[in-house]
Amino acid sequence: AQLQCKLLNIHVLLDYIEFVHPLLRTSLSHPPSINGNWMGCFTKSMEVCEAMYFAGVPVWLIHSEAYISPTMNVVHSVGLTYPDEIVRATYTENGVAKPFPSI
């Protein structure tokens, strides 16, 4: 599992260097087509949200409704849900928590 995690990190980094970084260095007036193979980005930062949007990265802005400007274009408002099959417990070995690092 750790090897798989490292390989996925490398794959993501290479995609970022090849596709996203060049788009972040140029100012676009409209986003390019979205890459449907990418999971995307979850962020609380408006600046990161805008940069990822204009780079064609699927992006989810996490904000309390109270902080959303009335002029903001919200396509869909969604609530946080958890699938029934997902495991939310921390992995342990001999009673000691061994979580994988966040990416």
Protein backbone atom coordinates (compact mmCIF):
# COMPACT_ATOMS: atom_id res chain seq x y z
CA ALA A 1 0.00 0.00 0.00
CA GLN A 2 2.87 2.39 0.74
CA LEU A 3 4.45 1.68 -2.66
CA GLN A 4 1.13 2.35 -4.35
CA CYS A 5 0.81 5.63 -2.44
CA LYS A 6 4.31 6.73 -3.51
CA LEU A 7 3.69 5.77 -7.15
CA LEU A 8 0.42 7.72 -7.19
CA ASN A 9 2.21 10.73 -5.69
CA ILE A 10 4.82 10.56 -8.46
CA HIS A 11 2.14 10.22 -11.14
CA VAL A 12 0.26 13.24 -9.78
CA LEU A 13 3.43 15.32 -9.57
CA LEU A 14 4.30 14.53 -13.20
CA ASP A 15 0.77 15.46 -14.33
CA TYR A 16 0.99 18.69 -12.35
CA ILE A 17 4.36 19.61 -13.91
CA GLU A 18 3.25 18.72 -17.45
CA PHE A 19 -0.31 20.08 -17.51
CA VAL A 20 -1.27 22.30 -14.56
CA HIS A 21 1.87 24.32 -13.82
CA PRO A 22 2.16 25.83 -17.34
CA LEU A 23 -1.49 26.94 -17.15
CA LEU A 24 -0.95 28.51 -13.72
CA ARG A 25 1.85 30.65 -15.17
CA THR A 26 -0.39 32.20 -17.84
CA SER A 27 -3.49 34.30 -17.30
CA LEU A 28 -6.54 32.89 -19.05
CA SER A 29 -9.89 34.58 -19.56
CA HIS A 30 -11.72 31.25 -19.58
CA PRO A 31 -10.80 27.78 -18.35
CA PRO A 32 -9.58 25.10 -20.73
CA SER A 33 -11.53 21.86 -20.90
CA ILE A 34 -11.67 19.97 -17.61
CA ASN A 35 -9.55 16.82 -17.37
CA GLY A 36 -12.07 14.14 -16.36
CA ASN A 37 -9.29 11.76 -15.29
CA TRP A 38 -8.29 13.96 -12.37
CA MET A 39 -10.00 13.75 -9.00
CA GLY A 40 -9.54 17.46 -8.52
CA CYS A 41 -8.86 19.79 -5.65
CA PHE A 42 -10.71 20.58 -2.42
CA THR A 43 -9.81 23.97 -0.97
CA LYS A 44 -10.94 26.67 1.40
CA SER A 45 -8.90 29.35 -0.41
CA MET A 46 -10.58 31.53 -3.02
CA GLU A 47 -7.20 32.16 -4.70
CA VAL A 48 -6.43 28.43 -5.02
CA CYS A 49 -9.98 27.79 -6.24
CA GLU A 50 -9.70 30.40 -8.97
CA ALA A 51 -6.22 29.26 -10.04
CA MET A 52 -7.28 25.60 -10.28
CA TYR A 53 -10.49 26.55 -12.12
CA PHE A 54 -8.56 28.47 -14.80
CA ALA A 55 -6.05 25.61 -15.07
CA GLY A 56 -8.85 23.17 -15.92
CA VAL A 57 -8.62 21.24 -12.66
CA PRO A 58 -11.94 20.13 -11.11
CA VAL A 59 -12.21 22.15 -7.92
CA TRP A 60 -14.51 22.17 -4.89
CA LEU A 61 -14.58 25.28 -2.73
CA ILE A 62 -15.28 24.44 0.90
CA HIS A 63 -16.99 27.37 2.58
CA SER A 64 -19.64 28.05 5.14
CA GLU A 65 -22.73 29.50 3.49
CA ALA A 66 -22.30 32.69 5.55
CA TYR A 67 -19.00 33.48 3.77
CA ILE A 68 -20.23 33.06 0.20
CA SER A 69 -20.66 36.35 -1.63
CA PRO A 70 -24.09 36.97 -3.20
CA THR A 71 -22.31 37.67 -6.51
CA MET A 72 -20.53 34.28 -6.53
CA ASN A 73 -21.74 31.88 -9.20
CA VAL A 74 -22.51 28.64 -7.35
CA VAL A 75 -23.39 25.86 -9.78
CA HIS A 76 -24.33 23.25 -7.17
CA SER A 77 -24.39 23.44 -3.41
CA VAL A 78 -23.78 20.05 -1.84
CA GLY A 79 -23.71 18.72 1.68
CA LEU A 80 -20.89 16.56 2.97
CA THR A 81 -21.86 12.89 2.91
CA TYR A 82 -20.04 9.63 3.53
CA PRO A 83 -20.69 6.46 1.51
CA ASP A 84 -21.75 3.49 3.62
CA GLU A 85 -18.81 1.40 2.35
CA ILE A 86 -16.04 3.85 3.25
CA VAL A 87 -13.78 3.05 6.20
CA ARG A 88 -13.23 6.11 8.38
CA ALA A 89 -11.30 4.35 11.15
CA THR A 90 -7.57 4.92 11.60
CA TYR A 91 -5.33 2.00 10.64
CA THR A 92 -3.57 0.52 13.66
CA GLU A 93 -0.75 -1.98 14.16
CA ASN A 94 -0.59 -3.58 17.62
CA GLY A 95 -2.88 -0.87 18.96
CA VAL A 96 -0.71 1.99 17.62
CA ALA A 97 -2.20 4.33 15.00
CA LYS A 98 -0.28 4.22 11.70
CA PRO A 99 -2.11 6.58 9.32
CA PHE A 100 -0.75 7.28 5.88
CA PRO A 101 0.44 10.85 5.36
CA SER A 102 -2.05 13.20 3.73
CA ILE A 103 -1.34 14.12 0.12
